[in-house]
Amino acid sequence: MNTKRVYHRWTEHEVRLLYRSVTSSNRNWVSVQQQFPQFSLLQLQNKFTMIEKQFLVKKEAENDSVQETVRVLMELMRKRE
């Protein structure tokens, strides 16, 4: 049996739509899959997991950036005293 892999590059719009669909339907994957019939249930779940991981990494980076800014400001305030 000869199977061909097809890679789908998700657009930003599709990612937002998937995220919104999953969160608003309270992870009712049947209704989500109806909106994305070209993907299997497993593909949709995997993509959503990747989106969540990317979101968490982004949030951690933002938190690190804020903490670094606060640290630098505190050092500057100490030097001024």
N, C-alpha and C. Protein backbone atom coordinates (compact mmCIF):
# COMPACT_ATOMS: atom_id res chain seq x y z
N MET A 1 0.84 -1.18 0.00
CA MET A 1 0.00 0.00 0.00
C MET A 1 0.89 1.25 0.00
N ASN A 2 0.66 2.11 -0.92
CA ASN A 2 1.47 3.31 -1.06
C ASN A 2 0.69 4.50 -0.49
N THR A 3 1.20 5.06 0.59
CA THR A 3 0.54 6.22 1.18
C THR A 3 1.43 7.43 0.98
N LYS A 4 0.80 8.55 0.84
CA LYS A 4 1.53 9.79 0.60
C LYS A 4 1.27 10.74 1.76
N ARG A 5 2.34 11.27 2.34
CA ARG A 5 2.18 12.25 3.41
C ARG A 5 1.94 13.62 2.82
N VAL A 6 1.00 14.28 3.41
CA VAL A 6 0.69 15.64 2.97
C VAL A 6 0.86 16.55 4.17
N TYR A 7 1.68 17.57 4.00
CA TYR A 7 1.90 18.52 5.09
C TYR A 7 1.01 19.73 4.87
N HIS A 8 0.34 20.14 5.91
CA HIS A 8 -0.51 21.32 5.83
C HIS A 8 0.10 22.42 6.68
N ARG A 9 0.40 23.54 6.08
CA ARG A 9 0.90 24.68 6.83
C ARG A 9 -0.30 25.49 7.33
N TRP A 10 -0.45 25.52 8.63
CA TRP A 10 -1.58 26.22 9.23
C TRP A 10 -1.35 27.73 9.14
N THR A 11 -2.39 28.45 8.75
CA THR A 11 -2.31 29.91 8.75
C THR A 11 -2.64 30.41 10.15
N GLU A 12 -2.29 31.64 10.40
CA GLU A 12 -2.59 32.24 11.71
C GLU A 12 -4.10 32.24 11.96
N HIS A 13 -4.85 32.49 10.92
CA HIS A 13 -6.32 32.50 11.03
C HIS A 13 -6.84 31.11 11.43
N GLU A 14 -6.32 30.08 10.79
CA GLU A 14 -6.76 28.71 11.11
C GLU A 14 -6.40 28.33 12.54
N VAL A 15 -5.22 28.75 12.99
CA VAL A 15 -4.80 28.46 14.35
C VAL A 15 -5.74 29.12 15.35
N ARG A 16 -6.05 30.40 15.10
CA ARG A 16 -6.98 31.11 15.99
C ARG A 16 -8.36 30.46 15.99
N LEU A 17 -8.81 30.09 14.80
CA LEU A 17 -10.12 29.45 14.67
C LEU A 17 -10.16 28.12 15.41
N LEU A 18 -9.12 27.32 15.27
CA LEU A 18 -9.05 26.04 15.98
C LEU A 18 -9.05 26.27 17.49
N TYR A 19 -8.22 27.20 17.95
CA TYR A 19 -8.14 27.46 19.39
C TYR A 19 -9.49 27.93 19.93
N ARG A 20 -10.11 28.85 19.21
CA ARG A 20 -11.42 29.35 19.63
C ARG A 20 -12.47 28.25 19.63
N SER A 21 -12.44 27.41 18.62
CA SER A 21 -13.42 26.32 18.51
C SER A 21 -13.28 25.34 19.66
N VAL A 22 -12.05 24.98 19.97
CA VAL A 22 -11.82 24.00 21.04
C VAL A 22 -12.21 24.58 22.38
N THR A 23 -11.78 25.81 22.66
CA THR A 23 -12.07 26.38 23.98
C THR A 23 -13.55 26.71 24.15
N SER A 24 -14.20 27.19 23.10
CA SER A 24 -15.62 27.55 23.23
C SER A 24 -16.52 26.32 23.30
N SER A 25 -16.08 25.22 22.72
CA SER A 25 -16.92 24.01 22.75
C SER A 25 -16.58 23.12 23.94
N ASN A 26 -15.73 23.64 24.82
CA ASN A 26 -15.31 22.88 26.01
C ASN A 26 -14.70 21.53 25.61
N ARG A 27 -13.85 21.60 24.59
CA ARG A 27 -13.11 20.44 24.06
C ARG A 27 -14.03 19.33 23.54
N ASN A 28 -15.12 19.74 22.95
CA ASN A 28 -16.00 18.78 22.28
C ASN A 28 -15.41 18.54 20.89
N TRP A 29 -14.58 17.51 20.80
CA TRP A 29 -13.80 17.29 19.59
C TRP A 29 -14.65 16.90 18.38
N VAL A 30 -15.83 16.36 18.63
CA VAL A 30 -16.71 16.00 17.51
C VAL A 30 -17.15 17.27 16.78
N SER A 31 -17.56 18.27 17.54
CA SER A 31 -17.99 19.52 16.90
C SER A 31 -16.81 20.25 16.27
N VAL A 32 -15.65 20.16 16.89
CA VAL A 32 -14.46 20.79 16.32
C VAL A 32 -14.10 20.13 14.99
N GLN A 33 -14.18 18.81 14.97
CA GLN A 33 -13.83 18.10 13.74
C GLN A 33 -14.81 18.40 12.61
N GLN A 34 -16.03 18.72 12.94
CA GLN A 34 -17.00 19.10 11.91
C GLN A 34 -16.59 20.41 11.24
N GLN A 35 -15.92 21.26 11.98
CA GLN A 35 -15.45 22.52 11.41
C GLN A 35 -14.17 22.34 10.59
N PHE A 36 -13.44 21.27 10.87
CA PHE A 36 -12.19 20.97 10.16
C PHE A 36 -12.24 19.54 9.62
N PRO A 37 -13.12 19.26 8.66
CA PRO A 37 -13.30 17.88 8.20
C PRO A 37 -12.08 17.30 7.47
N GLN A 38 -11.18 18.15 7.02
CA GLN A 38 -10.01 17.65 6.29
C GLN A 38 -8.96 17.04 7.22
N PHE A 39 -9.13 17.19 8.54
CA PHE A 39 -8.16 16.67 9.49
C PHE A 39 -8.78 15.57 10.34
N SER A 40 -7.96 14.63 10.73
CA SER A 40 -8.44 13.58 11.64
C SER A 40 -8.53 14.15 13.05
N LEU A 41 -9.22 13.44 13.89
CA LEU A 41 -9.36 13.85 15.28
C LEU A 41 -7.99 13.95 15.95
N LEU A 42 -7.15 12.98 15.71
CA LEU A 42 -5.81 12.98 16.30
C LEU A 42 -4.98 14.17 15.80
N GLN A 43 -5.08 14.50 14.54
CA GLN A 43 -4.34 15.65 14.00
C GLN A 43 -4.78 16.94 14.68
N LEU A 44 -6.08 17.09 14.88
CA LEU A 44 -6.59 18.29 15.53
C LEU A 44 -6.14 18.37 16.98
N GLN A 45 -6.20 17.26 17.68
CA GLN A 45 -5.77 17.25 19.08
C GLN A 45 -4.28 17.56 19.19
N ASN A 46 -3.48 17.00 18.30
CA ASN A 46 -2.04 17.27 18.32
C ASN A 46 -1.75 18.73 18.03
N LYS A 47 -2.45 19.29 17.06
CA LYS A 47 -2.24 20.70 16.72
C LYS A 47 -2.64 21.59 17.88
N PHE A 48 -3.74 21.28 18.54
CA PHE A 48 -4.17 22.08 19.68
C PHE A 48 -3.15 22.00 20.82
N THR A 49 -2.61 20.83 21.05
CA THR A 49 -1.57 20.67 22.08
C THR A 49 -0.36 21.53 21.74
N MET A 50 0.03 21.54 20.48
CA MET A 50 1.17 22.38 20.05
C MET A 50 0.87 23.86 20.27
N ILE A 51 -0.35 24.27 19.97
CA ILE A 51 -0.75 25.66 20.17
C ILE A 51 -0.64 26.02 21.65
N GLU A 52 -1.14 25.15 22.52
CA GLU A 52 -1.06 25.40 23.96
C GLU A 52 0.38 25.51 24.43
N LYS A 53 1.24 24.62 23.95
CA LYS A 53 2.66 24.66 24.34
C LYS A 53 3.31 25.95 23.88
N GLN A 54 3.03 26.37 22.65
CA GLN A 54 3.60 27.62 22.14
C GLN A 54 3.12 28.80 22.97
N PHE A 55 1.85 28.78 23.35
CA PHE A 55 1.28 29.85 24.16
C PHE A 55 1.97 29.91 25.52
N LEU A 56 2.19 28.74 26.14
CA LEU A 56 2.86 28.71 27.44
C LEU A 56 4.29 29.20 27.34
N VAL A 57 5.00 28.80 26.31
CA VAL A 57 6.39 29.25 26.12
C VAL A 57 6.42 30.76 25.93
N LYS A 58 5.48 31.27 25.16
CA LYS A 58 5.41 32.71 24.92
C LYS A 58 5.13 33.46 26.22
N LYS A 59 4.21 32.94 27.03
CA LYS A 59 3.89 33.57 28.31
C LYS A 59 5.10 33.56 29.24
N GLU A 60 5.82 32.43 29.29
CA GLU A 60 7.01 32.34 30.13
C GLU A 60 8.06 33.35 29.68
N ALA A 61 8.23 33.51 28.39
CA ALA A 61 9.20 34.47 27.86
C ALA A 61 8.80 35.89 28.25
N GLU A 62 7.50 36.19 28.16
CA GLU A 62 7.03 37.52 28.56
C GLU A 62 7.26 37.75 30.05
N ASN A 63 6.99 36.74 30.87
CA ASN A 63 7.21 36.86 32.30
C ASN A 63 8.68 37.07 32.62
N ASP A 64 9.56 36.32 31.93
CA ASP A 64 10.99 36.48 32.13
C ASP A 64 11.44 37.89 31.76
N SER A 65 10.88 38.40 30.68
CA SER A 65 11.23 39.74 30.22
C SER A 65 10.79 40.79 31.25
N VAL A 66 9.60 40.64 31.78
CA VAL A 66 9.10 41.57 32.79
C VAL A 66 9.96 41.49 34.05
N GLN A 67 10.30 40.29 34.48
CA GLN A 67 11.13 40.12 35.67
C GLN A 67 12.50 40.75 35.47
N GLU A 68 13.07 40.60 34.29
CA GLU A 68 14.38 41.19 33.99
C GLU A 68 14.29 42.71 34.02
N THR A 69 13.23 43.27 33.47
CA THR A 69 13.03 44.72 33.48
C THR A 69 12.92 45.24 34.90
N VAL A 70 12.16 44.55 35.73
CA VAL A 70 12.01 44.95 37.13
C VAL A 70 13.35 44.88 37.85
N ARG A 71 14.12 43.83 37.59
CA ARG A 71 15.43 43.68 38.23
C ARG A 71 16.36 44.84 37.85
N VAL A 72 16.38 45.19 36.57
CA VAL A 72 17.23 46.29 36.11
C VAL A 72 16.78 47.61 36.73
N LEU A 73 15.49 47.85 36.78
CA LEU A 73 14.98 49.08 37.39
C LEU A 73 15.33 49.16 38.87
N MET A 74 15.23 48.04 39.57
CA MET A 74 15.59 48.01 40.99
C MET A 74 17.07 48.33 41.18
N GLU A 75 17.91 47.79 40.32
CA GLU A 75 19.35 48.08 40.40
C GLU A 75 19.61 49.56 40.17
N LEU A 76 18.94 50.14 39.18
CA LEU A 76 19.11 51.56 38.90
C LEU A 76 18.66 52.42 40.07
N MET A 77 17.57 52.03 40.70
CA MET A 77 17.08 52.79 41.85
C MET A 77 18.07 52.70 43.01
N ARG A 78 18.65 51.54 43.22
CA ARG A 78 19.64 51.38 44.30
C ARG A 78 20.87 52.24 44.04
N LYS A 79 21.30 52.31 42.79
CA LYS A 79 22.48 53.10 42.43
C LYS A 79 22.23 54.58 42.63
N ARG A 80 21.01 55.02 42.42
CA ARG A 80 20.68 56.44 42.58
C ARG A 80 20.66 56.86 44.04
N GLU A 81 20.43 55.91 44.94
CA GLU A 81 20.32 56.25 46.37
C GLU A 81 21.63 56.54 47.00
